[in-house]
Amino acid sequence: MTAATNRFALRKDAQVLCRRTWWVFLIGGITSVVFGVFAYLQPGIALLALSMFFAASVLVDGVMNVVGVFLMMLGYKVRNTPERLQGLRAR
């Protein structure tokens, strides 16, 4: 497979994925607009909310890394863990 063919196949896969999961981008965009308006009106509370979401994401990421290390030490093959944990994959 040439590099051009590989790039075309990757682009095609990305287009198919975006067509199937368009609603994820819509929800993200609406959430961003709502949070932007909220941050403009209440900057102190918005900063607190943003820092809490960041702390929660770092905590979940750390826990998943530790769980992944222990699973690998026990001999499990850990693959595509974030995709499996999403739960809302378009089929």
C-alpha atoms as a PDB file:
ATOM      1  CA  MET A   1       0.000   0.000   0.000  1.00  0.00           C
ATOM      2  CA  THR A   2       1.424   3.331  -1.003  1.00  0.00           C
ATOM      3  CA  ALA A   3       1.467   6.396   1.208  1.00  0.00           C
ATOM      4  CA  ALA A   4      -1.170   8.129  -0.932  1.00  0.00           C
ATOM      5  CA  THR A   5      -3.503   5.139  -0.745  1.00  0.00           C
ATOM      6  CA  ASN A   6      -2.952   4.909   3.004  1.00  0.00           C
ATOM      7  CA  ARG A   7      -3.801   8.608   3.457  1.00  0.00           C
ATOM      8  CA  PHE A   8      -6.943   8.189   1.339  1.00  0.00           C
ATOM      9  CA  ALA A   9      -8.075   5.192   3.396  1.00  0.00           C
ATOM     10  CA  LEU A  10      -7.425   7.089   6.635  1.00  0.00           C
ATOM     11  CA  ARG A  11      -9.359  10.103   5.361  1.00  0.00           C
ATOM     12  CA  LYS A  12     -12.258   7.876   4.316  1.00  0.00           C
ATOM     13  CA  ASP A  13     -12.339   6.171   7.729  1.00  0.00           C
ATOM     14  CA  ALA A  14     -12.314   9.570   9.462  1.00  0.00           C
ATOM     15  CA  GLN A  15     -15.190  10.798   7.289  1.00  0.00           C
ATOM     16  CA  VAL A  16     -17.261   7.709   8.059  1.00  0.00           C
ATOM     17  CA  LEU A  17     -16.571   8.095  11.770  1.00  0.00           C
ATOM     18  CA  CYS A  18     -17.560  11.775  11.713  1.00  0.00           C
ATOM     19  CA  ARG A  19     -20.792  10.960   9.874  1.00  0.00           C
ATOM     20  CA  ARG A  20     -21.707   8.341  12.466  1.00  0.00           C
ATOM     21  CA  THR A  21     -20.823  10.477  15.496  1.00  0.00           C
ATOM     22  CA  TRP A  22     -21.887  13.963  14.389  1.00  0.00           C
ATOM     23  CA  TRP A  23     -24.030  14.322  17.475  1.00  0.00           C
ATOM     24  CA  VAL A  24     -20.957  14.187  19.733  1.00  0.00           C
ATOM     25  CA  PHE A  25     -19.575  17.311  18.050  1.00  0.00           C
ATOM     26  CA  LEU A  26     -22.983  18.995  18.313  1.00  0.00           C
ATOM     27  CA  ILE A  27     -23.233  18.312  22.049  1.00  0.00           C
ATOM     28  CA  GLY A  28     -19.660  19.531  22.550  1.00  0.00           C
ATOM     29  CA  GLY A  29     -20.352  22.738  20.645  1.00  0.00           C
ATOM     30  CA  ILE A  30     -23.573  23.500  22.496  1.00  0.00           C
ATOM     31  CA  THR A  31     -21.881  22.793  25.831  1.00  0.00           C
ATOM     32  CA  SER A  32     -19.014  25.107  24.922  1.00  0.00           C
ATOM     33  CA  VAL A  33     -21.363  27.949  24.002  1.00  0.00           C
ATOM     34  CA  VAL A  34     -23.393  27.532  27.203  1.00  0.00           C
ATOM     35  CA  PHE A  35     -20.245  27.414  29.316  1.00  0.00           C
ATOM     36  CA  GLY A  36     -18.867  30.484  27.519  1.00  0.00           C
ATOM     37  CA  VAL A  37     -21.996  32.497  28.302  1.00  0.00           C
ATOM     38  CA  PHE A  38     -21.936  31.232  31.891  1.00  0.00           C
ATOM     39  CA  ALA A  39     -18.249  32.148  32.225  1.00  0.00           C
ATOM     40  CA  TYR A  40     -18.944  35.644  30.930  1.00  0.00           C
ATOM     41  CA  LEU A  41     -21.781  36.169  33.410  1.00  0.00           C
ATOM     42  CA  GLN A  42     -20.238  34.426  36.455  1.00  0.00           C
ATOM     43  CA  PRO A  43     -16.449  34.160  36.029  1.00  0.00           C
ATOM     44  CA  GLY A  44     -15.714  33.037  39.602  1.00  0.00           C
ATOM     45  CA  ILE A  45     -18.170  30.154  39.566  1.00  0.00           C
ATOM     46  CA  ALA A  46     -17.106  29.211  36.041  1.00  0.00           C
ATOM     47  CA  LEU A  47     -13.461  29.009  37.143  1.00  0.00           C
ATOM     48  CA  LEU A  48     -14.458  26.759  40.026  1.00  0.00           C
ATOM     49  CA  ALA A  49     -16.530  24.523  37.723  1.00  0.00           C
ATOM     50  CA  LEU A  50     -13.720  24.339  35.190  1.00  0.00           C
ATOM     51  CA  SER A  51     -11.166  23.425  37.837  1.00  0.00           C
ATOM     52  CA  MET A  52     -13.501  20.752  39.256  1.00  0.00           C
ATOM     53  CA  PHE A  53     -13.979  19.175  35.819  1.00  0.00           C
ATOM     54  CA  PHE A  54     -10.231  19.249  35.240  1.00  0.00           C
ATOM     55  CA  ALA A  55      -9.574  17.644  38.624  1.00  0.00           C
ATOM     56  CA  ALA A  56     -12.160  14.936  37.931  1.00  0.00           C
ATOM     57  CA  SER A  57     -10.656  14.148  34.517  1.00  0.00           C
ATOM     58  CA  VAL A  58      -7.140  13.935  35.978  1.00  0.00           C
ATOM     59  CA  LEU A  59      -8.410  11.669  38.751  1.00  0.00           C
ATOM     60  CA  VAL A  60     -10.191   9.330  36.328  1.00  0.00           C
ATOM     61  CA  ASP A  61      -7.148   9.258  34.036  1.00  0.00           C
ATOM     62  CA  GLY A  62      -4.865   8.389  36.940  1.00  0.00           C
ATOM     63  CA  VAL A  63      -7.140   5.617  38.181  1.00  0.00           C
ATOM     64  CA  MET A  64      -7.389   4.149  34.682  1.00  0.00           C
ATOM     65  CA  ASN A  65      -3.608   4.206  34.315  1.00  0.00           C
ATOM     66  CA  VAL A  66      -3.147   2.389  37.624  1.00  0.00           C
ATOM     67  CA  VAL A  67      -5.816  -0.189  36.739  1.00  0.00           C
ATOM     68  CA  GLY A  68      -4.209  -0.691  33.335  1.00  0.00           C
ATOM     69  CA  VAL A  69      -0.792  -1.293  34.877  1.00  0.00           C
ATOM     70  CA  PHE A  70      -2.169  -3.870  37.290  1.00  0.00           C
ATOM     71  CA  LEU A  71      -4.098  -5.623  34.533  1.00  0.00           C
ATOM     72  CA  MET A  72      -0.976  -5.793  32.383  1.00  0.00           C
ATOM     73  CA  MET A  73       1.011  -7.153  35.338  1.00  0.00           C
ATOM     74  CA  LEU A  74      -1.609  -9.897  35.746  1.00  0.00           C
ATOM     75  CA  GLY A  75      -1.219 -10.826  32.092  1.00  0.00           C
ATOM     76  CA  TYR A  76      -4.317  -9.268  30.597  1.00  0.00           C
ATOM     77  CA  LYS A  77      -3.952  -7.667  27.210  1.00  0.00           C
ATOM     78  CA  VAL A  78      -5.183  -4.101  27.658  1.00  0.00           C
ATOM     79  CA  ARG A  79      -6.175  -2.664  24.321  1.00  0.00           C
ATOM     80  CA  ASN A  80      -8.489   0.167  23.285  1.00  0.00           C
ATOM     81  CA  THR A  81      -9.455   0.793  26.910  1.00  0.00           C
ATOM     82  CA  PRO A  82     -10.765   4.352  26.339  1.00  0.00           C
ATOM     83  CA  GLU A  83     -13.003   3.164  23.479  1.00  0.00           C
ATOM     84  CA  ARG A  84     -14.421   0.359  25.593  1.00  0.00           C
ATOM     85  CA  LEU A  85     -15.149   2.692  28.475  1.00  0.00           C
ATOM     86  CA  GLN A  86     -17.028   5.236  26.386  1.00  0.00           C
ATOM     87  CA  GLY A  87     -20.155   3.133  26.301  1.00  0.00           C
ATOM     88  CA  LEU A  88     -21.888   5.461  23.835  1.00  0.00           C
ATOM     89  CA  ARG A  89     -20.261   4.318  20.644  1.00  0.00           C
ATOM     90  CA  ALA A  90     -22.301   4.678  17.476  1.00  0.00           C
ATOM     91  CA  ARG A  91     -22.911   1.371  15.765  1.00  0.00           C
END
